Amino acid sequence: NMQPSLRTFLLLALTLVAVNGSKPKVEKI
């Protein structure tokens, strides 16, 4: 249960993790 805009943002961030395969890169960004 979260705001739709936050859910969209998190999906984008998690997509970056999946595409880049690098959690440290996303953390740095």
PDB file of all heavy atoms in Angstrom:
ATOM      1  N   ASN A   1       0.838  -1.186   0.000  1.00  0.00           N
ATOM      2  CA  ASN A   1       0.000   0.000   0.000  1.00  0.00           C
ATOM      3  C   ASN A   1       0.881   1.246   0.000  1.00  0.00           C
ATOM      4  O   ASN A   1       1.521   1.548   0.993  1.00  0.00           O
ATOM      5  CB  ASN A   1      -0.909  -0.022   1.232  1.00  0.00           C
ATOM      6  CG  ASN A   1      -1.900   1.108   1.228  1.00  0.00           C
ATOM      7  OD1 ASN A   1      -2.122   1.736   0.194  1.00  0.00           O
ATOM      8  ND2 ASN A   1      -2.498   1.368   2.368  1.00  0.00           N
ATOM      9  N   MET A   2       0.936   1.956  -1.144  1.00  0.00           N
ATOM     10  CA  MET A   2       1.724   3.181  -1.232  1.00  0.00           C
ATOM     11  C   MET A   2       1.142   4.068  -2.309  1.00  0.00           C
ATOM     12  O   MET A   2       0.337   3.626  -3.124  1.00  0.00           O
ATOM     13  CB  MET A   2       3.206   2.895  -1.487  1.00  0.00           C
ATOM     14  CG  MET A   2       3.510   2.246  -2.823  1.00  0.00           C
ATOM     15  SD  MET A   2       5.266   1.975  -3.148  1.00  0.00           S
ATOM     16  CE  MET A   2       5.677   0.743  -1.958  1.00  0.00           C
ATOM     17  N   GLN A   3       1.544   5.326  -2.305  1.00  0.00           N
ATOM     18  CA  GLN A   3       1.091   6.297  -3.294  1.00  0.00           C
ATOM     19  C   GLN A   3       1.422   5.811  -4.697  1.00  0.00           C
ATOM     20  O   GLN A   3       2.500   5.261  -4.923  1.00  0.00           O
ATOM     21  CB  GLN A   3       1.806   7.635  -3.056  1.00  0.00           C
ATOM     22  CG  GLN A   3       1.509   8.261  -1.730  1.00  0.00           C
ATOM     23  CD  GLN A   3       0.218   9.048  -1.751  1.00  0.00           C
ATOM     24  OE1 GLN A   3      -0.284   9.392  -2.804  1.00  0.00           O
ATOM     25  NE2 GLN A   3      -0.313   9.324  -0.573  1.00  0.00           N
ATOM     26  N   PRO A   4       0.529   6.019  -5.682  1.00  0.00           N
ATOM     27  CA  PRO A   4       0.803   5.588  -7.054  1.00  0.00           C
ATOM     28  C   PRO A   4       2.082   6.196  -7.631  1.00  0.00           C
ATOM     29  O   PRO A   4       2.837   5.513  -8.312  1.00  0.00           O
ATOM     30  CB  PRO A   4      -0.425   6.064  -7.829  1.00  0.00           C
ATOM     31  CG  PRO A   4      -1.506   6.177  -6.817  1.00  0.00           C
ATOM     32  CD  PRO A   4      -0.822   6.549  -5.535  1.00  0.00           C
ATOM     33  N   SER A   5       2.344   7.476  -7.342  1.00  0.00           N
ATOM     34  CA  SER A   5       3.555   8.101  -7.891  1.00  0.00           C
ATOM     35  C   SER A   5       4.811   7.477  -7.288  1.00  0.00           C
ATOM     36  O   SER A   5       5.809   7.285  -7.983  1.00  0.00           O
ATOM     37  CB  SER A   5       3.547   9.607  -7.652  1.00  0.00           C
ATOM     38  OG  SER A   5       3.455   9.883  -6.276  1.00  0.00           O
ATOM     39  N   LEU A   6       4.775   7.143  -6.009  1.00  0.00           N
ATOM     40  CA  LEU A   6       5.921   6.504  -5.369  1.00  0.00           C
ATOM     41  C   LEU A   6       6.092   5.087  -5.908  1.00  0.00           C
ATOM     42  O   LEU A   6       7.218   4.657  -6.176  1.00  0.00           O
ATOM     43  CB  LEU A   6       5.750   6.477  -3.848  1.00  0.00           C
ATOM     44  CG  LEU A   6       6.886   5.873  -3.049  1.00  0.00           C
ATOM     45  CD1 LEU A   6       8.201   6.611  -3.331  1.00  0.00           C
ATOM     46  CD2 LEU A   6       6.584   5.925  -1.570  1.00  0.00           C
ATOM     47  N   ARG A   7       4.993   4.387  -6.111  1.00  0.00           N
ATOM     48  CA  ARG A   7       5.054   3.038  -6.655  1.00  0.00           C
ATOM     49  C   ARG A   7       5.696   3.065  -8.050  1.00  0.00           C
ATOM     50  O   ARG A   7       6.553   2.247  -8.361  1.00  0.00           O
ATOM     51  CB  ARG A   7       3.653   2.428  -6.711  1.00  0.00           C
ATOM     52  CG  ARG A   7       3.636   0.986  -7.166  1.00  0.00           C
ATOM     53  CD  ARG A   7       2.266   0.328  -7.073  1.00  0.00           C
ATOM     54  NE  ARG A   7       1.176   1.146  -7.551  1.00  0.00           N
ATOM     55  CZ  ARG A   7       0.169   1.588  -6.796  1.00  0.00           C
ATOM     56  NH1 ARG A   7       0.118   1.289  -5.514  1.00  0.00           N
ATOM     57  NH2 ARG A   7      -0.791   2.321  -7.310  1.00  0.00           N
ATOM     58  N   THR A   8       5.303   4.035  -8.877  1.00  0.00           N
ATOM     59  CA  THR A   8       5.883   4.174 -10.213  1.00  0.00           C
ATOM     60  C   THR A   8       7.373   4.456 -10.127  1.00  0.00           C
ATOM     61  O   THR A   8       8.170   3.857 -10.849  1.00  0.00           O
ATOM     62  CB  THR A   8       5.181   5.317 -10.986  1.00  0.00           C
ATOM     63  OG1 THR A   8       3.788   5.026 -11.045  1.00  0.00           O
ATOM     64  CG2 THR A   8       5.735   5.465 -12.388  1.00  0.00           C
ATOM     65  N   PHE A   9       7.755   5.352  -9.220  1.00  0.00           N
ATOM     66  CA  PHE A   9       9.170   5.684  -9.050  1.00  0.00           C
ATOM     67  C   PHE A   9       9.969   4.455  -8.621  1.00  0.00           C
ATOM     68  O   PHE A   9      11.046   4.191  -9.147  1.00  0.00           O
ATOM     69  CB  PHE A   9       9.329   6.810  -8.031  1.00  0.00           C
ATOM     70  CG  PHE A   9      10.753   7.198  -7.802  1.00  0.00           C
ATOM     71  CD1 PHE A   9      11.420   7.989  -8.714  1.00  0.00           C
ATOM     72  CD2 PHE A   9      11.431   6.763  -6.684  1.00  0.00           C
ATOM     73  CE1 PHE A   9      12.742   8.345  -8.524  1.00  0.00           C
ATOM     74  CE2 PHE A   9      12.754   7.113  -6.474  1.00  0.00           C
ATOM     75  CZ  PHE A   9      13.399   7.907  -7.404  1.00  0.00           C
ATOM     76  N   LEU A  10       9.430   3.695  -7.679  1.00  0.00           N
ATOM     77  CA  LEU A  10      10.131   2.505  -7.195  1.00  0.00           C
ATOM     78  C   LEU A  10      10.241   1.442  -8.275  1.00  0.00           C
ATOM     79  O   LEU A  10      11.267   0.768  -8.391  1.00  0.00           O
ATOM     80  CB  LEU A  10       9.438   1.941  -5.956  1.00  0.00           C
ATOM     81  CG  LEU A  10       9.552   2.823  -4.715  1.00  0.00           C
ATOM     82  CD1 LEU A  10       8.727   2.235  -3.578  1.00  0.00           C
ATOM     83  CD2 LEU A  10      10.988   2.993  -4.300  1.00  0.00           C
ATOM     84  N   LEU A  11       9.196   1.301  -9.080  1.00  0.00           N
ATOM     85  CA  LEU A  11       9.267   0.353 -10.190  1.00  0.00           C
ATOM     86  C   LEU A  11      10.367   0.756 -11.173  1.00  0.00           C
ATOM     87  O   LEU A  11      11.106  -0.084 -11.672  1.00  0.00           O
ATOM     88  CB  LEU A  11       7.920   0.252 -10.905  1.00  0.00           C
ATOM     89  CG  LEU A  11       6.834  -0.506 -10.156  1.00  0.00           C
ATOM     90  CD1 LEU A  11       5.497  -0.362 -10.878  1.00  0.00           C
ATOM     91  CD2 LEU A  11       7.202  -1.962  -9.994  1.00  0.00           C
ATOM     92  N   LEU A  12      10.484   2.052 -11.406  1.00  0.00           N
ATOM     93  CA  LEU A  12      11.547   2.544 -12.280  1.00  0.00           C
ATOM     94  C   LEU A  12      12.914   2.234 -11.675  1.00  0.00           C
ATOM     95  O   LEU A  12      13.814   1.744 -12.359  1.00  0.00           O
ATOM     96  CB  LEU A  12      11.396   4.043 -12.518  1.00  0.00           C
ATOM     97  CG  LEU A  12      12.481   4.711 -13.345  1.00  0.00           C
ATOM     98  CD1 LEU A  12      12.525   4.130 -14.747  1.00  0.00           C
ATOM     99  CD2 LEU A  12      12.248   6.203 -13.411  1.00  0.00           C
ATOM    100  N   ALA A  13      13.063   2.507 -10.383  1.00  0.00           N
ATOM    101  CA  ALA A  13      14.341   2.244  -9.716  1.00  0.00           C
ATOM    102  C   ALA A  13      14.673   0.754  -9.743  1.00  0.00           C
ATOM    103  O   ALA A  13      15.809   0.358 -10.017  1.00  0.00           O
ATOM    104  CB  ALA A  13      14.306   2.754  -8.278  1.00  0.00           C
ATOM    105  N   LEU A  14      13.684  -0.088  -9.480  1.00  0.00           N
ATOM    106  CA  LEU A  14      13.922  -1.529  -9.496  1.00  0.00           C
ATOM    107  C   LEU A  14      14.205  -2.038 -10.906  1.00  0.00           C
ATOM    108  O   LEU A  14      14.961  -2.984 -11.093  1.00  0.00           O
ATOM    109  CB  LEU A  14      12.738  -2.264  -8.874  1.00  0.00           C
ATOM    110  CG  LEU A  14      12.555  -2.009  -7.377  1.00  0.00           C
ATOM    111  CD1 LEU A  14      11.266  -2.646  -6.877  1.00  0.00           C
ATOM    112  CD2 LEU A  14      13.745  -2.492  -6.585  1.00  0.00           C
ATOM    113  N   THR A  15      13.609  -1.392 -11.911  1.00  0.00           N
ATOM    114  CA  THR A  15      13.911  -1.738 -13.295  1.00  0.00           C
ATOM    115  C   THR A  15      15.364  -1.435 -13.600  1.00  0.00           C
ATOM    116  O   THR A  15      16.048  -2.211 -14.265  1.00  0.00           O
ATOM    117  CB  THR A  15      12.994  -0.959 -14.266  1.00  0.00           C
ATOM    118  OG1 THR A  15      11.638  -1.286 -13.955  1.00  0.00           O
ATOM    119  CG2 THR A  15      13.289  -1.306 -15.714  1.00  0.00           C
ATOM    120  N   LEU A  16      15.852  -0.310 -13.083  1.00  0.00           N
ATOM    121  CA  LEU A  16      17.267   0.020 -13.264  1.00  0.00           C
ATOM    122  C   LEU A  16      18.153  -1.062 -12.651  1.00  0.00           C
ATOM    123  O   LEU A  16      19.173  -1.431 -13.227  1.00  0.00           O
ATOM    124  CB  LEU A  16      17.598   1.371 -12.626  1.00  0.00           C
ATOM    125  CG  LEU A  16      17.097   2.604 -13.366  1.00  0.00           C
ATOM    126  CD1 LEU A  16      17.333   3.852 -12.524  1.00  0.00           C
ATOM    127  CD2 LEU A  16      17.766   2.740 -14.713  1.00  0.00           C
ATOM    128  N   VAL A  17      17.755  -1.568 -11.503  1.00  0.00           N
ATOM    129  CA  VAL A  17      18.526  -2.630 -10.863  1.00  0.00           C
ATOM    130  C   VAL A  17      18.533  -3.867 -11.751  1.00  0.00           C
ATOM    131  O   VAL A  17      19.575  -4.480 -11.989  1.00  0.00           O
ATOM    132  CB  VAL A  17      17.956  -2.980  -9.467  1.00  0.00           C
ATOM    133  CG1 VAL A  17      18.627  -4.217  -8.907  1.00  0.00           C
ATOM    134  CG2 VAL A  17      18.132  -1.811  -8.515  1.00  0.00           C
ATOM    135  N   ALA A  18      17.360  -4.220 -12.268  1.00  0.00           N
ATOM    136  CA  ALA A  18      17.256  -5.416 -13.097  1.00  0.00           C
ATOM    137  C   ALA A  18      18.046  -5.257 -14.398  1.00  0.00           C
ATOM    138  O   ALA A  18      18.737  -6.181 -14.826  1.00  0.00           O
ATOM    139  CB  ALA A  18      15.791  -5.715 -13.407  1.00  0.00           C
ATOM    140  N   VAL A  19      17.941  -4.098 -15.030  1.00  0.00           N
ATOM    141  CA  VAL A  19      18.628  -3.874 -16.300  1.00  0.00           C
ATOM    142  C   VAL A  19      20.134  -3.798 -16.104  1.00  0.00           C
ATOM    143  O   VAL A  19      20.905  -4.420 -16.819  1.00  0.00           O
ATOM    144  CB  VAL A  19      18.105  -2.578 -16.977  1.00  0.00           C
ATOM    145  CG1 VAL A  19      18.966  -2.190 -18.160  1.00  0.00           C
ATOM    146  CG2 VAL A  19      16.664  -2.769 -17.407  1.00  0.00           C
ATOM    147  N   ASN A  20      20.552  -3.024 -15.124  1.00  0.00           N
ATOM    148  CA  ASN A  20      21.981  -2.854 -14.885  1.00  0.00           C
ATOM    149  C   ASN A  20      22.581  -4.014 -14.091  1.00  0.00           C
ATOM    150  O   ASN A  20      23.783  -4.225 -14.128  1.00  0.00           O
ATOM    151  CB  ASN A  20      22.258  -1.546 -14.136  1.00  0.00           C
ATOM    152  CG  ASN A  20      21.933  -0.346 -14.985  1.00  0.00           C
ATOM    153  OD1 ASN A  20      22.076  -0.372 -16.193  1.00  0.00           O
ATOM    154  ND2 ASN A  20      21.482   0.726 -14.347  1.00  0.00           N
ATOM    155  N   GLY A  21      21.739  -4.709 -13.355  1.00  0.00           N
ATOM    156  CA  GLY A  21      22.229  -5.814 -12.557  1.00  0.00           C
ATOM    157  C   GLY A  21      23.151  -5.360 -11.440  1.00  0.00           C
ATOM    158  O   GLY A  21      23.938  -6.134 -10.932  1.00  0.00           O
ATOM    159  N   SER A  22      23.052  -4.107 -11.070  1.00  0.00           N
ATOM    160  CA  SER A  22      23.983  -3.589 -10.080  1.00  0.00           C
ATOM    161  C   SER A  22      23.282  -2.680  -9.078  1.00  0.00           C
ATOM    162  O   SER A  22      22.990  -1.532  -9.366  1.00  0.00           O
ATOM    163  CB  SER A  22      25.093  -2.814 -10.788  1.00  0.00           C
ATOM    164  OG  SER A  22      25.942  -2.222  -9.842  1.00  0.00           O
ATOM    165  N   LYS A  23      23.016  -3.226  -7.905  1.00  0.00           N
ATOM    166  CA  LYS A  23      22.398  -2.448  -6.845  1.00  0.00           C
ATOM    167  C   LYS A  23      23.291  -1.280  -6.418  1.00  0.00           C
ATOM    168  O   LYS A  23      22.782  -0.178  -6.220  1.00  0.00           O
ATOM    169  CB  LYS A  23      22.078  -3.367  -5.670  1.00  0.00           C
ATOM    170  CG  LYS A  23      21.228  -2.729  -4.615  1.00  0.00           C
ATOM    171  CD  LYS A  23      20.710  -3.767  -3.650  1.00  0.00           C
ATOM    172  CE  LYS A  23      21.320  -3.538  -2.310  1.00  0.00           C
ATOM    173  NZ  LYS A  23      20.840  -4.433  -1.288  1.00  0.00           N
ATOM    174  N   PRO A  24      24.602  -1.451  -6.305  1.00  0.00           N
ATOM    175  CA  PRO A  24      25.450  -0.308  -5.929  1.00  0.00           C
ATOM    176  C   PRO A  24      25.352   0.869  -6.908  1.00  0.00           C
ATOM    177  O   PRO A  24      25.416   2.018  -6.486  1.00  0.00           O
ATOM    178  CB  PRO A  24      26.863  -0.893  -5.914  1.00  0.00           C
ATOM    179  CG  PRO A  24      26.655  -2.338  -5.597  1.00  0.00           C
ATOM    180  CD  PRO A  24      25.371  -2.692  -6.306  1.00  0.00           C
ATOM    181  N   LYS A  25      25.172   0.588  -8.191  1.00  0.00           N
ATOM    182  CA  LYS A  25      25.022   1.677  -9.165  1.00  0.00           C
ATOM    183  C   LYS A  25      23.758   2.482  -8.890  1.00  0.00           C
ATOM    184  O   LYS A  25      23.771   3.710  -8.963  1.00  0.00           O
ATOM    185  CB  LYS A  25      24.977   1.134 -10.598  1.00  0.00           C
ATOM    186  CG  LYS A  25      26.311   0.737 -11.150  1.00  0.00           C
ATOM    187  CD  LYS A  25      26.170   0.312 -12.602  1.00  0.00           C
ATOM    188  CE  LYS A  25      27.485  -0.154 -13.166  1.00  0.00           C
ATOM    189  NZ  LYS A  25      27.343  -0.629 -14.555  1.00  0.00           N
ATOM    190  N   VAL A  26      22.664   1.802  -8.592  1.00  0.00           N
ATOM    191  CA  VAL A  26      21.409   2.487  -8.306  1.00  0.00           C
ATOM    192  C   VAL A  26      21.540   3.284  -7.012  1.00  0.00           C
ATOM    193  O   VAL A  26      21.075   4.429  -6.931  1.00  0.00           O
ATOM    194  CB  VAL A  26      20.236   1.491  -8.229  1.00  0.00           C
ATOM    195  CG1 VAL A  26      18.953   2.192  -7.808  1.00  0.00           C
ATOM    196  CG2 VAL A  26      20.044   0.806  -9.573  1.00  0.00           C
ATOM    197  N   GLU A  27      22.176   2.704  -6.005  1.00  0.00           N
ATOM    198  CA  GLU A  27      22.400   3.429  -4.757  1.00  0.00           C
ATOM    199  C   GLU A  27      23.177   4.713  -5.031  1.00  0.00           C
ATOM    200  O   GLU A  27      22.826   5.779  -4.536  1.00  0.00           O
ATOM    201  CB  GLU A  27      23.175   2.567  -3.755  1.00  0.00           C
ATOM    202  CG  GLU A  27      22.358   1.452  -3.158  1.00  0.00           C
ATOM    203  CD  GLU A  27      23.157   0.618  -2.165  1.00  0.00           C
ATOM    204  OE1 GLU A  27      23.982   1.192  -1.419  1.00  0.00           O
ATOM    205  OE2 GLU A  27      22.958  -0.611  -2.139  1.00  0.00           O
ATOM    206  N   LYS A  28      24.222   4.612  -5.833  1.00  0.00           N
ATOM    207  CA  LYS A  28      25.053   5.768  -6.167  1.00  0.00           C
ATOM    208  C   LYS A  28      24.236   6.833  -6.905  1.00  0.00           C
ATOM    209  O   LYS A  28      24.328   8.019  -6.595  1.00  0.00           O
ATOM    210  CB  LYS A  28      26.249   5.338  -7.008  1.00  0.00           C
ATOM    211  CG  LYS A  28      27.198   6.459  -7.364  1.00  0.00           C
ATOM    212  CD  LYS A  28      28.389   5.911  -8.140  1.00  0.00           C
ATOM    213  CE  LYS A  28      29.320   6.982  -8.618  1.00  0.00           C
ATOM    214  NZ  LYS A  28      29.923   7.783  -7.584  1.00  0.00           N
ATOM    215  N   ILE A  29      23.412   6.399  -7.857  1.00  0.00           N
ATOM    216  CA  ILE A  29      22.569   7.334  -8.603  1.00  0.00           C
ATOM    217  C   ILE A  29      21.608   8.053  -7.658  1.00  0.00           C
ATOM    218  O   ILE A  29      21.443   9.274  -7.727  1.00  0.00           O
ATOM    219  CB  ILE A  29      21.794   6.597  -9.722  1.00  0.00           C
ATOM    220  CG1 ILE A  29      22.750   6.152 -10.822  1.00  0.00           C
ATOM    221  CG2 ILE A  29      20.688   7.481 -10.296  1.00  0.00           C
ATOM    222  CD1 ILE A  29      22.146   5.170 -11.816  1.00  0.00           C
TER     223      ILE A  29
END
